[in-house]
PDB file of N, CA and C in Angstrom:
ATOM      1  N   MET A   1     252.498  91.442 -34.082  1.00  0.00           N
ATOM      2  CA  MET A   1     251.681  91.225 -32.912  1.00  0.00           C
ATOM      3  C   MET A   1     252.431  90.418 -31.855  1.00  0.00           C
ATOM      4  N   ALA A   2     253.119  89.384 -32.265  1.00  0.00           N
ATOM      5  CA  ALA A   2     253.866  88.559 -31.317  1.00  0.00           C
ATOM      6  C   ALA A   2     255.008  89.354 -30.695  1.00  0.00           C
ATOM      7  N   GLY A   3     255.580  90.264 -31.454  1.00  0.00           N
ATOM      8  CA  GLY A   3     256.661  91.100 -30.923  1.00  0.00           C
ATOM      9  C   GLY A   3     256.200  91.974 -29.780  1.00  0.00           C
ATOM     10  N   TRP A   4     255.010  92.572 -29.934  1.00  0.00           N
ATOM     11  CA  TRP A   4     254.470  93.401 -28.868  1.00  0.00           C
ATOM     12  C   TRP A   4     254.123  92.573 -27.629  1.00  0.00           C
ATOM     13  N   ALA A   5     253.639  91.388 -27.838  1.00  0.00           N
ATOM     14  CA  ALA A   5     253.311  90.514 -26.707  1.00  0.00           C
ATOM     15  C   ALA A   5     254.574  90.155 -25.935  1.00  0.00           C
ATOM     16  N   CYS A   6     255.648  89.903 -26.661  1.00  0.00           N
ATOM     17  CA  CYS A   6     256.921  89.597 -25.986  1.00  0.00           C
ATOM     18  C   CYS A   6     257.430  90.807 -25.224  1.00  0.00           C
ATOM     19  N   MET A   7     257.294  91.981 -25.808  1.00  0.00           N
ATOM     20  CA  MET A   7     257.746  93.197 -25.134  1.00  0.00           C
ATOM     21  C   MET A   7     256.920  93.475 -23.882  1.00  0.00           C
ATOM     22  N   LEU A   8     255.622  93.271 -23.950  1.00  0.00           N
ATOM     23  CA  LEU A   8     254.770  93.467 -22.784  1.00  0.00           C
ATOM     24  C   LEU A   8     255.064  92.428 -21.694  1.00  0.00           C
ATOM     25  N   GLY A   9     255.398  91.242 -22.118  1.00  0.00           N
ATOM     26  CA  GLY A   9     255.746  90.201 -21.143  1.00  0.00           C
ATOM     27  C   GLY A   9     257.079  90.457 -20.475  1.00  0.00           C
ATOM     28  N   ALA A  10     258.022  91.069 -21.207  1.00  0.00           N
ATOM     29  CA  ALA A  10     259.352  91.311 -20.664  1.00  0.00           C
ATOM     30  C   ALA A  10     259.450  92.634 -19.908  1.00  0.00           C
ATOM     31  N   ALA A  11     258.503  93.535 -20.108  1.00  0.00           N
ATOM     32  CA  ALA A  11     258.558  94.869 -19.498  1.00  0.00           C
ATOM     33  C   ALA A  11     258.646  94.842 -17.968  1.00  0.00           C
ATOM     34  N   PRO A  12     257.873  94.030 -17.258  1.00  0.00           N
ATOM     35  CA  PRO A  12     258.004  94.025 -15.795  1.00  0.00           C
ATOM     36  C   PRO A  12     259.388  93.577 -15.332  1.00  0.00           C
ATOM     37  N   PHE A  13     259.973  92.632 -16.035  1.00  0.00           N
ATOM     38  CA  PHE A  13     261.304  92.165 -15.641  1.00  0.00           C
ATOM     39  C   PHE A  13     262.356  93.217 -15.939  1.00  0.00           C
ATOM     40  N   ALA A  14     262.177  93.972 -17.000  1.00  0.00           N
ATOM     41  CA  ALA A  14     263.095  95.066 -17.310  1.00  0.00           C
ATOM     42  C   ALA A  14     262.947  96.185 -16.293  1.00  0.00           C
ATOM     43  N   ALA A  15     261.743  96.429 -15.837  1.00  0.00           N
ATOM     44  CA  ALA A  15     261.507  97.477 -14.833  1.00  0.00           C
ATOM     45  C   ALA A  15     262.112  97.115 -13.489  1.00  0.00           C
ATOM     46  N   CYS A  16     262.261  95.831 -13.200  1.00  0.00           N
ATOM     47  CA  CYS A  16     262.847  95.400 -11.932  1.00  0.00           C
ATOM     48  C   CYS A  16     264.291  95.878 -11.785  1.00  0.00           C
ATOM     49  N   GLY A  17     264.944  96.155 -12.898  1.00  0.00           N
ATOM     50  CA  GLY A  17     266.309  96.657 -12.834  1.00  0.00           C
ATOM     51  C   GLY A  17     266.387  98.053 -12.254  1.00  0.00           C
ATOM     52  N   PHE A  18     265.281  98.780 -12.253  1.00  0.00           N
ATOM     53  CA  PHE A  18     265.269 100.145 -11.741  1.00  0.00           C
ATOM     54  C   PHE A  18     264.658 100.246 -10.351  1.00  0.00           C
ATOM     55  N   VAL A  19     264.159  99.166  -9.816  1.00  0.00           N
ATOM     56  CA  VAL A  19     263.492  99.182  -8.513  1.00  0.00           C
ATOM     57  C   VAL A  19     264.534  99.148  -7.406  1.00  0.00           C
ATOM     58  N   ARG A  20     264.419 100.100  -6.454  1.00  0.00           N
ATOM     59  CA  ARG A  20     265.245 100.085  -5.249  1.00  0.00           C
ATOM     60  C   ARG A  20     264.318 100.401  -4.084  1.00  0.00           C
ATOM     61  N   TYR A  21     264.271  99.516  -3.113  1.00  0.00           N
ATOM     62  CA  TYR A  21     263.406  99.682  -1.958  1.00  0.00           C
ATOM     63  C   TYR A  21     264.252  99.509  -0.717  1.00  0.00           C
ATOM     64  N   HIS A  22     264.371 100.527   0.085  1.00  0.00           N
ATOM     65  CA  HIS A  22     265.216 100.526   1.282  1.00  0.00           C
ATOM     66  C   HIS A  22     266.653 100.132   0.945  1.00  0.00           C
ATOM     67  N   GLY A  23     267.130 100.566  -0.183  1.00  0.00           N
ATOM     68  CA  GLY A  23     268.506 100.282  -0.574  1.00  0.00           C
ATOM     69  C   GLY A  23     268.726  98.887  -1.141  1.00  0.00           C
ATOM     70  N   MET A  24     267.660  98.104  -1.299  1.00  0.00           N
ATOM     71  CA  MET A  24     267.792  96.756  -1.840  1.00  0.00           C
ATOM     72  C   MET A  24     267.358  96.746  -3.303  1.00  0.00           C
ATOM     73  N   THR A  25     268.023  95.934  -4.081  1.00  0.00           N
ATOM     74  CA  THR A  25     267.584  95.743  -5.458  1.00  0.00           C
ATOM     75  C   THR A  25     266.361  94.837  -5.463  1.00  0.00           C
ATOM     76  N   ALA A  26     265.741  94.680  -6.618  1.00  0.00           N
ATOM     77  CA  ALA A  26     264.527  93.861  -6.715  1.00  0.00           C
ATOM     78  C   ALA A  26     264.803  92.411  -6.325  1.00  0.00           C
ATOM     79  N   GLU A  27     265.975  91.894  -6.692  1.00  0.00           N
ATOM     80  CA  GLU A  27     266.309  90.505  -6.347  1.00  0.00           C
ATOM     81  C   GLU A  27     266.472  90.345  -4.839  1.00  0.00           C
ATOM     82  N   GLN A  28     267.136  91.310  -4.207  1.00  0.00           N
ATOM     83  CA  GLN A  28     267.315  91.239  -2.754  1.00  0.00           C
ATOM     84  C   GLN A  28     265.974  91.378  -2.045  1.00  0.00           C
ATOM     85  N   LEU A  29     265.116  92.260  -2.559  1.00  0.00           N
ATOM     86  CA  LEU A  29     263.792  92.431  -1.977  1.00  0.00           C
ATOM     87  C   LEU A  29     262.967  91.159  -2.102  1.00  0.00           C
ATOM     88  N   LEU A  30     263.016  90.536  -3.260  1.00  0.00           N
ATOM     89  CA  LEU A  30     262.285  89.291  -3.474  1.00  0.00           C
ATOM     90  C   LEU A  30     262.781  88.200  -2.526  1.00  0.00           C
ATOM     91  N   TRP A  31     264.082  88.096  -2.354  1.00  0.00           N
ATOM     92  CA  TRP A  31     264.646  87.093  -1.449  1.00  0.00           C
ATOM     93  C   TRP A  31     264.251  87.391  -0.003  1.00  0.00           C
ATOM     94  N   ALA A  32     264.242  88.660   0.398  1.00  0.00           N
ATOM     95  CA  ALA A  32     263.845  89.025   1.758  1.00  0.00           C
ATOM     96  C   ALA A  32     262.380  88.684   2.012  1.00  0.00           C
ATOM     97  N   VAL A  33     261.529  88.911   1.027  1.00  0.00           N
ATOM     98  CA  VAL A  33     260.107  88.581   1.177  1.00  0.00           C
ATOM     99  C   VAL A  33     259.918  87.071   1.277  1.00  0.00           C
ATOM    100  N   ILE A  34     260.609  86.319   0.443  1.00  0.00           N
ATOM    101  CA  ILE A  34     260.504  84.856   0.488  1.00  0.00           C
ATOM    102  C   ILE A  34     260.979  84.329   1.833  1.00  0.00           C
ATOM    103  N   LYS A  35     262.112  84.852   2.325  1.00  0.00           N
ATOM    104  CA  LYS A  35     262.629  84.394   3.620  1.00  0.00           C
ATOM    105  C   LYS A  35     261.671  84.723   4.748  1.00  0.00           C
ATOM    106  N   SER A  36     261.147  85.954   4.767  1.00  0.00           N
ATOM    107  CA  SER A  36     260.320  86.352   5.901  1.00  0.00           C
ATOM    108  C   SER A  36     258.930  85.728   5.864  1.00  0.00           C
ATOM    109  N   GLU A  37     258.389  85.490   4.689  1.00  0.00           N
ATOM    110  CA  GLU A  37     257.027  84.974   4.608  1.00  0.00           C
ATOM    111  C   GLU A  37     256.942  83.452   4.508  1.00  0.00           C
ATOM    112  N   LEU A  38     257.940  82.816   3.937  1.00  0.00           N
ATOM    113  CA  LEU A  38     257.849  81.377   3.701  1.00  0.00           C
ATOM    114  C   LEU A  38     258.812  80.539   4.539  1.00  0.00           C
ATOM    115  N   LEU A  39     260.029  81.026   4.736  1.00  0.00           N
ATOM    116  CA  LEU A  39     261.047  80.174   5.340  1.00  0.00           C
ATOM    117  C   LEU A  39     261.172  80.306   6.852  1.00  0.00           C
ATOM    118  N   THR A  40     260.784  81.438   7.413  1.00  0.00           N
ATOM    119  CA  THR A  40     260.919  81.615   8.857  1.00  0.00           C
ATOM    120  C   THR A  40     259.573  81.393   9.529  1.00  0.00           C
ATOM    121  N   PRO A  41     259.582  80.893  10.750  1.00  0.00           N
ATOM    122  CA  PRO A  41     258.321  80.668  11.454  1.00  0.00           C
ATOM    123  C   PRO A  41     257.666  82.003  11.830  1.00  0.00           C
ATOM    124  N   HIS A  42     256.353  82.010  11.864  1.00  0.00           N
ATOM    125  CA  HIS A  42     255.614  83.227  12.147  1.00  0.00           C
ATOM    126  C   HIS A  42     255.091  83.290  13.569  1.00  0.00           C
ATOM    127  N   ARG A  43     255.278  82.273  14.339  1.00  0.00           N
ATOM    128  CA  ARG A  43     254.729  82.273  15.686  1.00  0.00           C
ATOM    129  C   ARG A  43     255.620  83.119  16.591  1.00  0.00           C
ATOM    130  N   LEU A  44     255.094  84.242  17.014  1.00  0.00           N
ATOM    131  CA  LEU A  44     255.814  85.133  17.915  1.00  0.00           C
ATOM    132  C   LEU A  44     255.182  85.013  19.290  1.00  0.00           C
ATOM    133  N   VAL A  45     255.994  84.754  20.278  1.00  0.00           N
ATOM    134  CA  VAL A  45     255.499  84.572  21.627  1.00  0.00           C
ATOM    135  C   VAL A  45     255.951  85.765  22.463  1.00  0.00           C
ATOM    136  N   PHE A  46     254.999  86.455  23.055  1.00  0.00           N
ATOM    137  CA  PHE A  46     255.310  87.576  23.925  1.00  0.00           C
ATOM    138  C   PHE A  46     255.260  87.108  25.366  1.00  0.00           C
ATOM    139  N   ARG A  47     256.334  87.308  26.056  1.00  0.00           N
ATOM    140  CA  ARG A  47     256.392  86.977  27.474  1.00  0.00           C
ATOM    141  C   ARG A  47     256.767  88.233  28.234  1.00  0.00           C
ATOM    142  N   ALA A  48     255.853  88.699  29.049  1.00  0.00           N
ATOM    143  CA  ALA A  48     256.109  89.907  29.817  1.00  0.00           C
ATOM    144  C   ALA A  48     257.159  89.611  30.884  1.00  0.00           C
ATOM    145  N   GLU A  49     258.017  90.578  31.098  1.00  0.00           N
ATOM    146  CA  GLU A  49     259.058  90.422  32.109  1.00  0.00           C
ATOM    147  C   GLU A  49     259.034  91.656  32.990  1.00  0.00           C
ATOM    148  N   ASN A  50     258.882  91.450  34.278  1.00  0.00           N
ATOM    149  CA  ASN A  50     258.888  92.545  35.222  1.00  0.00           C
ATOM    150  C   ASN A  50     260.335  92.799  35.619  1.00  0.00           C
ATOM    151  N   LEU A  51     260.928  93.835  35.060  1.00  0.00           N
ATOM    152  CA  LEU A  51     262.336  94.116  35.295  1.00  0.00           C
ATOM    153  C   LEU A  51     262.603  94.429  36.760  1.00  0.00           C
ATOM    154  N   TYR A  52     261.703  95.166  37.394  1.00  0.00           N
ATOM    155  CA  TYR A  52     261.885  95.494  38.812  1.00  0.00           C
ATOM    156  C   TYR A  52     261.926  94.223  39.654  1.00  0.00           C
ATOM    157  N   TYR A  53     261.015  93.300  39.401  1.00  0.00           N
ATOM    158  CA  TYR A  53     260.992  92.061  40.172  1.00  0.00           C
ATOM    159  C   TYR A  53     262.249  91.231  39.914  1.00  0.00           C
ATOM    160  N   THR A  54     262.713  91.218  38.673  1.00  0.00           N
ATOM    161  CA  THR A  54     263.916  90.457  38.349  1.00  0.00           C
ATOM    162  C   THR A  54     265.116  90.989  39.109  1.00  0.00           C
ATOM    163  N   VAL A  55     265.242  92.308  39.178  1.00  0.00           N
ATOM    164  CA  VAL A  55     266.388  92.912  39.865  1.00  0.00           C
ATOM    165  C   VAL A  55     266.271  92.744  41.373  1.00  0.00           C
ATOM    166  N   MET A  56     265.086  92.927  41.907  1.00  0.00           N
ATOM    167  CA  MET A  56     264.900  92.918  43.359  1.00  0.00           C
ATOM    168  C   MET A  56     264.423  91.577  43.907  1.00  0.00           C
ATOM    169  N   HIS A  57     264.502  90.529  43.103  1.00  0.00           N
ATOM    170  CA  HIS A  57     263.964  89.216  43.469  1.00  0.00           C
ATOM    171  C   HIS A  57     264.505  88.712  44.810  1.00  0.00           C
ATOM    172  N   ALA A  58     265.787  88.787  45.024  1.00  0.00           N
ATOM    173  CA  ALA A  58     266.385  88.262  46.258  1.00  0.00           C
ATOM    174  C   ALA A  58     265.889  89.031  47.480  1.00  0.00           C
ATOM    175  N   LYS A  59     265.845  90.343  47.400  1.00  0.00           N
ATOM    176  CA  LYS A  59     265.415  91.137  48.547  1.00  0.00           C
ATOM    177  C   LYS A  59     263.920  90.964  48.822  1.00  0.00           C
ATOM    178  N   ILE A  60     263.142  90.836  47.780  1.00  0.00           N
ATOM    179  CA  ILE A  60     261.705  90.656  47.972  1.00  0.00           C
ATOM    180  C   ILE A  60     261.433  89.315  48.637  1.00  0.00           C
ATOM    181  N   ASP A  61     262.139  88.274  48.231  1.00  0.00           N
ATOM    182  CA  ASP A  61     261.919  86.949  48.816  1.00  0.00           C
ATOM    183  C   ASP A  61     262.352  86.883  50.274  1.00  0.00           C
ATOM    184  N   THR A  62     263.404  87.616  50.648  1.00  0.00           N
ATOM    185  CA  THR A  62     263.857  87.586  52.039  1.00  0.00           C
ATOM    186  C   THR A  62     263.018  88.500  52.914  1.00  0.00           C
ATOM    187  N   GLY A  63     262.231  89.356  52.316  1.00  0.00           N
ATOM    188  CA  GLY A  63     261.372  90.232  53.105  1.00  0.00           C
ATOM    189  C   GLY A  63     262.076  91.501  53.526  1.00  0.00           C
ATOM    190  N   ALA A  64     263.207  91.836  52.942  1.00  0.00           N
ATOM    191  CA  ALA A  64     263.928  93.050  53.305  1.00  0.00           C
ATOM    192  C   ALA A  64     263.112  94.268  52.902  1.00  0.00           C
ATOM    193  N   ARG A  65     263.169  95.298  53.748  1.00  0.00           N
ATOM    194  CA  ARG A  65     262.420  96.526  53.476  1.00  0.00           C
ATOM    195  C   ARG A  65     263.368  97.718  53.471  1.00  0.00           C
ATOM    196  N   ARG A  66     262.899  98.785  52.846  1.00  0.00           N
ATOM    197  CA  ARG A  66     263.655 100.031  52.887  1.00  0.00           C
ATOM    198  C   ARG A  66     263.542 100.607  54.283  1.00  0.00           C
ATOM    199  N   PRO A  67     264.558 101.332  54.713  1.00  0.00           N
ATOM    200  CA  PRO A  67     264.447 101.979  56.031  1.00  0.00           C
ATOM    201  C   PRO A  67     263.348 103.051  55.997  1.00  0.00           C
ATOM    202  N   GLU A  68     262.624 103.159  57.093  1.00  0.00           N
ATOM    203  CA  GLU A  68     261.543 104.136  57.179  1.00  0.00           C
ATOM    204  C   GLU A  68     262.128 105.540  57.176  1.00  0.00           C
ATOM    205  N   ARG A  69     261.426 106.465  56.538  1.00  0.00           N
ATOM    206  CA  ARG A  69     261.867 107.858  56.510  1.00  0.00           C
ATOM    207  C   ARG A  69     261.528 108.523  57.829  1.00  0.00           C
ATOM    208  N   GLU A  70     262.398 109.410  58.227  1.00  0.00           N
ATOM    209  CA  GLU A  70     262.120 110.174  59.442  1.00  0.00           C
ATOM    210  C   GLU A  70     261.077 111.231  59.109  1.00  0.00           C
ATOM    211  N   VAL A  71     260.249 111.572  60.054  1.00  0.00           N
ATOM    212  CA  VAL A  71     259.108 112.426  59.800  1.00  0.00           C
ATOM    213  C   VAL A  71     259.532 113.829  59.393  1.00  0.00           C
ATOM    214  N   GLY A  72     260.502 114.449  60.048  1.00  0.00           N
ATOM    215  CA  GLY A  72     260.841 115.835  59.789  1.00  0.00           C
ATOM    216  C   GLY A  72     261.926 116.032  58.731  1.00  0.00           C
ATOM    217  N   VAL A  73     262.465 114.975  58.148  1.00  0.00           N
ATOM    218  CA  VAL A  73     263.589 115.101  57.239  1.00  0.00           C
ATOM    219  C   VAL A  73     263.084 115.150  55.798  1.00  0.00           C
ATOM    220  N   ARG A  74     263.578 116.163  55.040  1.00  0.00           N
ATOM    221  CA  ARG A  74     263.228 116.275  53.621  1.00  0.00           C
ATOM    222  C   ARG A  74     264.446 115.900  52.801  1.00  0.00           C
ATOM    223  N   ARG A  75     264.237 115.158  51.748  1.00  0.00           N
ATOM    224  CA  ARG A  75     265.360 114.754  50.893  1.00  0.00           C
ATOM    225  C   ARG A  75     265.252 115.383  49.559  1.00  0.00           C
TER     226      ARG A  75
END
């Protein structure tokens, strides 16, 4: 009876030798989970950035405008 209990207790650890998830072994997967869930901060801050405004900031502040299109000209 004790032999079977030991085998049942050791079976999950023996199965870990066959586990591969995204190319990682069970030990690497366990370490990745520990790092991502326990060791790194979880606070993610989203800051929107208007790329157009960043690029055109100088021209917008000076008030520069595009040249007006001529009425009869097609581009």
